[in-house]
Amino acid sequence: AGKLEGGALRPGSRVVLVPGVPGCGPGTPATVKCVEVDGCVARVARAGDAAEVALAGSGVDLSAVPSGAVLCHADFPAPLVTRFEARVVVLDAPVPLLRGAQQHRMPVV
């Protein structure tokens, strides 16, 4: 189960699980067997929908899917990276954030 971030998903769609299911290798291929949106069987799930998906093929054991895995179109899998850069914007901080300084949680009173 998860949120569809882009595109559409329907039964019969060829997909790939990234980074993959342990034992099945990276980018585990599968086919969408059934789609549910808001607990009801649907012909299509679109971007923004919270959907549950049943998969078939390649011996996919859904209990082995790692947390954070992404379901992608089979022809356009998400790239795997070991490093990335990010810019973090903090809108409300009780103390100044300084490079290299460790922040400790303040008790809530």
C-alpha atoms as a PDB file:
ATOM      1  CA  ALA A   1       0.000   0.000   0.000  1.00  0.00           C
ATOM      2  CA  GLY A   2       1.168   3.506  -0.688  1.00  0.00           C
ATOM      3  CA  LYS A   3       0.557   6.806  -2.410  1.00  0.00           C
ATOM      4  CA  LEU A   4       0.782   7.013  -6.186  1.00  0.00           C
ATOM      5  CA  GLU A   5       3.182   9.908  -6.778  1.00  0.00           C
ATOM      6  CA  GLY A   6       2.845  10.171 -10.549  1.00  0.00           C
ATOM      7  CA  GLY A   7       1.187   8.655 -13.601  1.00  0.00           C
ATOM      8  CA  ALA A   8      -1.494   5.979 -13.444  1.00  0.00           C
ATOM      9  CA  LEU A   9      -1.591   2.327 -12.448  1.00  0.00           C
ATOM     10  CA  ARG A  10      -4.064  -0.283 -13.716  1.00  0.00           C
ATOM     11  CA  PRO A  11      -4.347  -4.078 -13.756  1.00  0.00           C
ATOM     12  CA  GLY A  12      -1.995  -5.523 -16.372  1.00  0.00           C
ATOM     13  CA  SER A  13       0.617  -2.756 -15.955  1.00  0.00           C
ATOM     14  CA  ARG A  14       4.199  -4.034 -16.112  1.00  0.00           C
ATOM     15  CA  VAL A  15       6.100  -2.721 -13.094  1.00  0.00           C
ATOM     16  CA  VAL A  16       9.384  -3.173 -11.292  1.00  0.00           C
ATOM     17  CA  LEU A  17      10.093  -2.976  -7.548  1.00  0.00           C
ATOM     18  CA  VAL A  18      13.137  -0.832  -6.793  1.00  0.00           C
ATOM     19  CA  PRO A  19      15.493  -1.596  -5.102  1.00  0.00           C
ATOM     20  CA  GLY A  20      14.020  -5.085  -5.418  1.00  0.00           C
ATOM     21  CA  VAL A  21      13.020  -7.960  -3.212  1.00  0.00           C
ATOM     22  CA  PRO A  22      15.847  -9.783  -1.414  1.00  0.00           C
ATOM     23  CA  GLY A  23      16.621 -12.988  -3.277  1.00  0.00           C
ATOM     24  CA  CYS A  24      15.045 -11.755  -6.532  1.00  0.00           C
ATOM     25  CA  GLY A  25      17.796  -9.317  -7.474  1.00  0.00           C
ATOM     26  CA  PRO A  26      17.676  -5.581  -8.106  1.00  0.00           C
ATOM     27  CA  GLY A  27      14.613  -4.252  -9.886  1.00  0.00           C
ATOM     28  CA  THR A  28      12.222  -7.139  -9.313  1.00  0.00           C
ATOM     29  CA  PRO A  29       9.742  -7.278 -12.256  1.00  0.00           C
ATOM     30  CA  ALA A  30       6.032  -7.943 -11.699  1.00  0.00           C
ATOM     31  CA  THR A  31       2.604  -7.346 -13.230  1.00  0.00           C
ATOM     32  CA  VAL A  32      -0.247  -5.530 -11.472  1.00  0.00           C
ATOM     33  CA  LYS A  33      -2.997  -8.055 -10.793  1.00  0.00           C
ATOM     34  CA  CYS A  34      -5.469  -5.824  -8.925  1.00  0.00           C
ATOM     35  CA  VAL A  35      -5.710  -2.186  -7.778  1.00  0.00           C
ATOM     36  CA  GLU A  36      -7.735  -0.867  -4.828  1.00  0.00           C
ATOM     37  CA  VAL A  37      -8.290   2.822  -4.101  1.00  0.00           C
ATOM     38  CA  ASP A  38      -9.803   3.771  -0.731  1.00  0.00           C
ATOM     39  CA  GLY A  39     -10.584   0.103  -0.062  1.00  0.00           C
ATOM     40  CA  CYS A  40     -12.571  -0.417  -3.287  1.00  0.00           C
ATOM     41  CA  VAL A  41     -11.452  -2.318  -6.393  1.00  0.00           C
ATOM     42  CA  ALA A  42     -10.588   0.203  -9.113  1.00  0.00           C
ATOM     43  CA  ARG A  43      -9.828   0.058 -12.838  1.00  0.00           C
ATOM     44  CA  VAL A  44      -7.174   2.748 -12.440  1.00  0.00           C
ATOM     45  CA  ALA A  45      -5.277   4.595  -9.684  1.00  0.00           C
ATOM     46  CA  ARG A  46      -4.012   8.083 -10.499  1.00  0.00           C
ATOM     47  CA  ALA A  47      -1.376  10.383  -9.020  1.00  0.00           C
ATOM     48  CA  GLY A  48      -2.353  11.381  -5.488  1.00  0.00           C
ATOM     49  CA  ASP A  49      -4.433   8.256  -4.803  1.00  0.00           C
ATOM     50  CA  ALA A  50      -3.684   6.060  -1.793  1.00  0.00           C
ATOM     51  CA  ALA A  51      -3.691   2.640  -3.429  1.00  0.00           C
ATOM     52  CA  GLU A  52      -3.192  -1.007  -2.578  1.00  0.00           C
ATOM     53  CA  VAL A  53      -1.781  -3.205  -5.318  1.00  0.00           C
ATOM     54  CA  ALA A  54      -1.731  -6.983  -5.802  1.00  0.00           C
ATOM     55  CA  LEU A  55       1.247  -8.150  -7.884  1.00  0.00           C
ATOM     56  CA  ALA A  56       1.902 -11.300  -9.897  1.00  0.00           C
ATOM     57  CA  GLY A  57       5.086 -12.718 -11.390  1.00  0.00           C
ATOM     58  CA  SER A  58       8.720 -13.401 -10.606  1.00  0.00           C
ATOM     59  CA  GLY A  59       7.920 -15.068  -7.285  1.00  0.00           C
ATOM     60  CA  VAL A  60       7.226 -11.743  -5.591  1.00  0.00           C
ATOM     61  CA  ASP A  61       6.728 -12.306  -1.857  1.00  0.00           C
ATOM     62  CA  LEU A  62       5.101  -9.072  -0.691  1.00  0.00           C
ATOM     63  CA  SER A  63       6.099  -9.759   2.913  1.00  0.00           C
ATOM     64  CA  ALA A  64       9.734  -9.485   1.754  1.00  0.00           C
ATOM     65  CA  VAL A  65       9.339  -6.069   0.089  1.00  0.00           C
ATOM     66  CA  PRO A  66      11.605  -3.683   2.002  1.00  0.00           C
ATOM     67  CA  SER A  67      10.148  -0.559   3.562  1.00  0.00           C
ATOM     68  CA  GLY A  68      10.650   2.388   1.225  1.00  0.00           C
ATOM     69  CA  ALA A  69      10.645   0.273  -1.943  1.00  0.00           C
ATOM     70  CA  VAL A  70       9.250   2.056  -5.000  1.00  0.00           C
ATOM     71  CA  LEU A  71       6.954   0.556  -7.638  1.00  0.00           C
ATOM     72  CA  CYS A  72       7.977   1.941 -11.045  1.00  0.00           C
ATOM     73  CA  HIS A  73       6.996   1.503 -14.696  1.00  0.00           C
ATOM     74  CA  ALA A  74       9.046  -1.421 -16.033  1.00  0.00           C
ATOM     75  CA  ASP A  75      10.612   0.731 -18.774  1.00  0.00           C
ATOM     76  CA  PHE A  76      11.520   3.611 -16.437  1.00  0.00           C
ATOM     77  CA  PRO A  77      12.836   2.280 -13.105  1.00  0.00           C
ATOM     78  CA  ALA A  78      13.996   4.777 -10.479  1.00  0.00           C
ATOM     79  CA  PRO A  79      17.808   4.942 -10.427  1.00  0.00           C
ATOM     80  CA  LEU A  80      19.602   3.536  -7.390  1.00  0.00           C
ATOM     81  CA  VAL A  81      22.150   5.807  -5.747  1.00  0.00           C
ATOM     82  CA  THR A  82      24.532   5.481  -2.835  1.00  0.00           C
ATOM     83  CA  ARG A  83      24.970   9.216  -2.393  1.00  0.00           C
ATOM     84  CA  PHE A  84      22.965  12.374  -3.025  1.00  0.00           C
ATOM     85  CA  GLU A  85      22.986  16.059  -2.160  1.00  0.00           C
ATOM     86  CA  ALA A  86      20.075  17.822  -0.532  1.00  0.00           C
ATOM     87  CA  ARG A  87      19.264  21.354   0.524  1.00  0.00           C
ATOM     88  CA  VAL A  88      17.341  21.426   3.792  1.00  0.00           C
ATOM     89  CA  VAL A  89      15.193  24.396   4.708  1.00  0.00           C
ATOM     90  CA  VAL A  90      14.156  24.699   8.349  1.00  0.00           C
ATOM     91  CA  LEU A  91      11.209  27.027   8.801  1.00  0.00           C
ATOM     92  CA  ASP A  92      11.008  27.059  12.582  1.00  0.00           C
ATOM     93  CA  ALA A  93      13.870  26.170  14.937  1.00  0.00           C
ATOM     94  CA  PRO A  94      13.991  27.099  18.641  1.00  0.00           C
ATOM     95  CA  VAL A  95      17.805  27.549  18.505  1.00  0.00           C
ATOM     96  CA  PRO A  96      20.235  28.569  15.742  1.00  0.00           C
ATOM     97  CA  LEU A  97      21.389  25.683  13.531  1.00  0.00           C
ATOM     98  CA  LEU A  98      25.154  25.789  13.039  1.00  0.00           C
ATOM     99  CA  ARG A  99      27.197  23.674  10.633  1.00  0.00           C
ATOM    100  CA  GLY A 100      28.773  20.739  12.482  1.00  0.00           C
ATOM    101  CA  ALA A 101      26.915  21.412  15.749  1.00  0.00           C
ATOM    102  CA  GLN A 102      24.809  18.644  17.229  1.00  0.00           C
ATOM    103  CA  GLN A 103      21.352  19.590  18.398  1.00  0.00           C
ATOM    104  CA  HIS A 104      19.903  17.954  21.475  1.00  0.00           C
ATOM    105  CA  ARG A 105      16.198  17.501  21.989  1.00  0.00           C
ATOM    106  CA  MET A 106      14.751  19.979  24.413  1.00  0.00           C
ATOM    107  CA  PRO A 107      12.184  18.593  26.850  1.00  0.00           C
ATOM    108  CA  VAL A 108       8.653  19.706  26.134  1.00  0.00           C
ATOM    109  CA  VAL A 109       7.185  21.683  29.053  1.00  0.00           C
END
